[in-house]
Protein backbone atom coordinates (compact mmCIF):
# COMPACT_ATOMS: atom_id res chain seq x y z
CA UNK A 1 74.11 -20.88 24.76
CA UNK A 2 72.23 -23.38 22.76
CA UNK A 3 74.20 -25.61 20.41
CA UNK A 4 72.34 -24.15 17.35
CA UNK A 5 73.41 -20.61 18.60
CA UNK A 6 77.19 -21.48 18.76
CA UNK A 7 76.96 -23.21 15.29
CA UNK A 8 75.35 -19.81 13.87
CA UNK A 9 78.02 -17.57 15.46
CA UNK A 10 81.20 -19.71 14.69
CA UNK A 11 83.20 -18.29 11.75
CA UNK A 12 86.73 -17.86 10.73
CA UNK A 13 88.02 -14.83 12.56
CA UNK A 14 91.20 -13.18 10.97
CA UNK A 15 91.81 -10.50 13.50
CA UNK A 16 92.67 -10.80 17.11
CA UNK A 17 93.35 -8.68 20.30
CA UNK A 18 96.71 -8.70 21.97
CA UNK A 19 95.17 -10.22 24.90
CA UNK A 20 96.38 -13.69 26.20
CA UNK A 21 94.13 -16.75 26.55
CA UNK A 22 94.40 -18.57 29.99
CA UNK A 23 96.34 -21.74 29.71
CA UNK A 24 93.94 -23.70 31.72
CA UNK A 25 90.95 -22.72 29.43
CA UNK A 26 92.84 -23.68 26.29
CA UNK A 27 93.55 -27.18 28.11
CA UNK A 28 89.75 -27.47 29.28
CA UNK A 29 88.44 -26.74 25.79
CA UNK A 30 90.89 -29.34 24.14
CA UNK A 31 90.06 -32.11 26.56
CA UNK A 32 85.98 -31.35 26.23
CA UNK A 33 86.32 -31.41 22.50
CA UNK A 34 87.43 -35.09 22.62
CA UNK A 35 83.83 -36.22 23.08
CA UNK A 36 83.66 -35.89 19.11
CA UNK A 37 82.30 -39.02 17.26
CA UNK A 38 84.93 -41.30 16.32
CA UNK A 39 84.59 -44.50 14.45
CA UNK A 40 85.73 -47.41 16.35
CA UNK A 41 86.40 -44.93 19.33
CA UNK A 42 89.93 -44.76 17.58
CA UNK A 43 90.39 -40.96 18.49
CA UNK A 44 93.08 -40.41 15.99
CA UNK A 45 93.83 -36.75 16.92
CA UNK A 46 96.76 -35.49 18.84
CA UNK A 47 96.73 -31.90 19.88
CA UNK A 48 99.38 -29.51 20.54
CA UNK A 49 98.70 -26.00 22.33
CA UNK A 50 100.95 -23.23 21.61
CA UNK A 51 101.01 -19.84 23.41
CA UNK A 52 103.33 -17.56 25.13
CA UNK A 53 107.04 -17.65 24.36
CA UNK A 54 106.38 -20.72 22.25
CA UNK A 55 103.93 -18.69 19.99
CA UNK A 56 106.16 -15.74 19.90
CA UNK A 57 109.06 -18.06 18.65
CA UNK A 58 106.96 -19.78 16.17
CA UNK A 59 105.79 -16.27 14.73
CA UNK A 60 109.49 -15.32 14.49
CA UNK A 61 110.51 -18.55 12.46
CA UNK A 62 107.59 -17.87 10.21
CA UNK A 63 108.43 -14.39 9.54
CA UNK A 64 111.96 -15.42 8.58
CA UNK A 65 110.75 -18.03 6.42
CA UNK A 66 108.42 -15.99 4.37
CA UNK A 67 111.03 -13.05 4.01
CA UNK A 68 113.40 -15.46 2.56
CA UNK A 69 110.99 -17.03 0.43
CA UNK A 70 111.56 -20.48 1.84
CA UNK A 71 108.97 -23.16 0.70
CA UNK A 72 108.27 -26.91 1.57
CA UNK A 73 106.68 -29.68 -0.08
CA UNK A 74 102.96 -29.67 1.35
CA UNK A 75 101.94 -32.27 3.35
CA UNK A 76 98.89 -33.07 1.41
CA UNK A 77 96.77 -31.38 -1.31
CA UNK A 78 94.54 -28.76 0.52
CA UNK A 79 92.28 -28.52 -2.64
CA UNK A 80 91.74 -31.26 -4.97
CA UNK A 81 93.93 -31.04 -8.17
CA UNK A 82 90.83 -31.48 -10.48
CA UNK A 83 88.22 -29.18 -8.94
CA UNK A 84 84.68 -28.96 -10.26
CA UNK A 85 83.27 -25.73 -11.48
CA UNK A 86 81.08 -25.26 -8.36
CA UNK A 87 83.91 -25.69 -5.91
CA UNK A 88 86.27 -23.31 -8.00
CA UNK A 89 83.40 -20.66 -8.08
CA UNK A 90 83.04 -21.03 -4.16
CA UNK A 91 86.68 -20.69 -3.55
CA UNK A 92 87.23 -17.61 -5.70
CA UNK A 93 84.06 -15.95 -4.41
CA UNK A 94 85.27 -16.17 -0.85
CA UNK A 95 88.76 -14.96 -1.80
CA UNK A 96 86.99 -11.93 -3.69
CA UNK A 97 84.48 -11.35 -0.81
CA UNK A 98 87.44 -11.14 2.00
CA UNK A 99 89.61 -8.92 -0.35
CA UNK A 100 86.79 -6.74 -1.00
CA UNK A 101 86.02 -6.34 2.84
CA UNK A 102 89.57 -5.50 3.06
CA UNK A 103 89.47 -2.80 0.34
CA UNK A 104 92.48 -4.72 -1.81
CA UNK A 105 91.55 -4.76 -5.37
CA UNK A 106 92.58 -7.87 -7.62
CA UNK A 107 95.30 -6.15 -9.27
CA UNK A 108 97.26 -5.26 -6.18
CA UNK A 109 99.09 -8.43 -5.99
CA UNK A 110 101.72 -7.30 -3.41
CA UNK A 111 99.15 -6.20 -0.96
CA UNK A 112 97.13 -9.58 -1.35
CA UNK A 113 100.52 -11.24 -0.82
CA UNK A 114 101.07 -9.17 2.25
CA UNK A 115 97.61 -9.91 3.70
CA UNK A 116 97.94 -13.55 3.03
CA UNK A 117 101.21 -13.80 5.03
CA UNK A 118 99.33 -12.89 8.11
CA UNK A 119 97.91 -16.38 8.14
CA UNK A 120 101.48 -17.61 9.27
CA UNK A 121 101.14 -14.92 12.22
CA UNK A 122 97.99 -16.54 13.16
CA UNK A 123 96.23 -13.28 12.21
CA UNK A 124 97.76 -11.90 15.49
CA UNK A 125 96.03 -14.69 17.88
CA UNK A 126 98.01 -15.10 20.91
CA UNK A 127 97.46 -19.01 20.92
CA UNK A 128 96.85 -21.90 18.65
CA UNK A 129 96.22 -25.67 18.47
CA UNK A 130 97.83 -27.87 16.10
CA UNK A 131 96.29 -30.96 15.06
CA UNK A 132 98.37 -34.25 13.80
CA UNK A 133 97.43 -37.58 12.92
CA UNK A 134 99.16 -41.10 12.37
CA UNK A 135 100.10 -41.21 8.84
CA UNK A 136 98.67 -44.81 8.68
CA UNK A 137 95.08 -43.40 9.14
CA UNK A 138 92.61 -43.01 6.37
CA UNK A 139 89.80 -40.70 5.27
CA UNK A 140 87.46 -41.83 7.88
CA UNK A 141 89.97 -40.78 10.79
CA UNK A 142 90.57 -37.60 9.09
CA UNK A 143 86.91 -36.94 9.19
CA UNK A 144 87.09 -37.67 12.99
CA UNK A 145 89.52 -35.04 13.37
CA UNK A 146 87.44 -32.66 11.69
CA UNK A 147 84.59 -33.55 14.01
CA UNK A 148 87.09 -32.95 16.97
CA UNK A 149 87.90 -29.60 15.58
CA UNK A 150 84.36 -28.53 15.22
CA UNK A 151 83.76 -29.27 18.79
CA UNK A 152 86.74 -27.27 19.70
CA UNK A 153 85.60 -24.21 17.82
CA UNK A 154 82.18 -24.29 19.08
CA UNK A 155 83.39 -24.73 22.58
CA UNK A 156 85.51 -21.55 22.04
CA UNK A 157 82.22 -19.68 20.86
CA UNK A 158 80.55 -20.92 24.12
CA UNK A 159 83.22 -19.15 26.08
CA UNK A 160 83.40 -16.14 24.35
CA UNK A 161 86.74 -16.98 22.03
CA UNK A 162 87.09 -16.74 18.44
CA UNK A 163 88.74 -19.21 16.00
CA UNK A 164 90.23 -19.60 12.82
CA UNK A 165 91.20 -23.23 11.23
CA UNK A 166 94.02 -22.75 8.99
CA UNK A 167 94.98 -25.63 6.68
CA UNK A 168 97.53 -23.46 5.30
CA UNK A 169 100.03 -24.79 7.84
CA UNK A 170 100.24 -27.93 5.47
CA UNK A 171 102.48 -26.16 3.20
CA UNK A 172 105.03 -25.80 5.99
CA UNK A 173 104.61 -29.24 7.31
CA UNK A 174 108.55 -29.95 7.92
CA UNK A 175 108.74 -26.64 9.95
CA UNK A 176 105.79 -27.17 12.08
CA UNK A 177 106.55 -30.96 12.84
CA UNK A 178 110.09 -30.13 13.83
CA UNK A 179 108.91 -27.18 16.16
CA UNK A 180 106.16 -29.43 17.63
CA UNK A 181 108.51 -32.37 17.90
CA UNK A 182 106.14 -34.62 16.27
CA UNK A 183 107.14 -38.08 16.01
CA UNK A 184 107.97 -39.18 12.45
CA UNK A 185 104.74 -41.66 12.24
CA UNK A 186 102.55 -38.58 12.63
CA UNK A 187 101.90 -35.79 10.35
CA UNK A 188 100.20 -32.34 10.50
CA UNK A 189 96.61 -31.81 9.45
CA UNK A 190 96.01 -28.26 10.43
CA UNK A 191 96.32 -25.47 12.83
CA UNK A 192 93.54 -23.33 14.61
CA UNK A 193 94.16 -19.69 15.69
CA UNK A 194 92.35 -18.95 19.03
CA UNK A 195 91.80 -15.62 20.97
CA UNK A 196 89.86 -12.73 21.33
CA UNK A 197 88.14 -11.02 18.29
CA UNK A 198 89.41 -7.58 17.42
CA UNK A 199 85.87 -6.21 16.42
CA UNK A 200 87.65 -3.22 14.48
CA UNK A 201 89.41 -5.75 11.91
CA UNK A 202 87.97 -5.33 8.52
CA UNK A 203 88.32 -8.74 7.80
CA UNK A 204 86.06 -9.78 10.52
CA UNK A 205 83.08 -8.05 8.77
CA UNK A 206 83.11 -10.92 6.50
CA UNK A 207 80.28 -13.72 6.94
CA UNK A 208 81.09 -16.31 4.50
CA UNK A 209 77.79 -17.39 2.74
CA UNK A 210 76.45 -20.86 2.41
CA UNK A 211 74.71 -22.49 -0.55
CA UNK A 212 71.06 -22.73 -0.75
CA UNK A 213 69.99 -26.05 0.44
CA UNK A 214 68.33 -26.70 -2.56
CA UNK A 215 71.90 -27.23 -4.01
CA UNK A 216 72.87 -30.13 -1.77
CA UNK A 217 69.92 -31.27 0.19
CA UNK A 218 67.86 -34.30 -0.79
CA UNK A 219 64.93 -35.39 1.41
CA UNK A 220 63.27 -38.67 0.50
CA UNK A 221 59.86 -39.81 2.22
């Protein structure tokens, strides 16, 4: 597979088959992804793999928290507090496109809430990666983690696996850091669901659009 093909094929998959992913394969992908670019060779990421009984336990914990309406202080702002108009339009647009694919109208708030709760069940994925980072690191090192995660997802495409990066876990940092045994000097960045795509899941018909290059690309010569 060409790198360009993997980039074109990668997308956020929100429905998985009940089929386990081999533990050794998950480890291999995690290790290969570490060839990501990293300023000063700091390599700021720490990766936890969750699968099997641990995954079942975590899903049970999260199901209980949502049923009881328990919340936590988010580890960071997932979206800027002062979003630009174009950013608001894009986030609103992708949300409406997803619920449109699912056939859930805007006024059905209960159905939308139930669907959103599936985030915290990894959309049925049998495994996940969690990325944590030392709290003393700054924006450049967070960018390094993003490059690691992109490598990880592209490597998943190469071996026939689907993924969904999930910043939503940042709203339950205490639960996840406790579950993982994360030392106090590290904080949760995000999770990545991974598994085999359920082709019959309506949400997986969504292919998020990208802005025209004229909006963001400048070439000078």
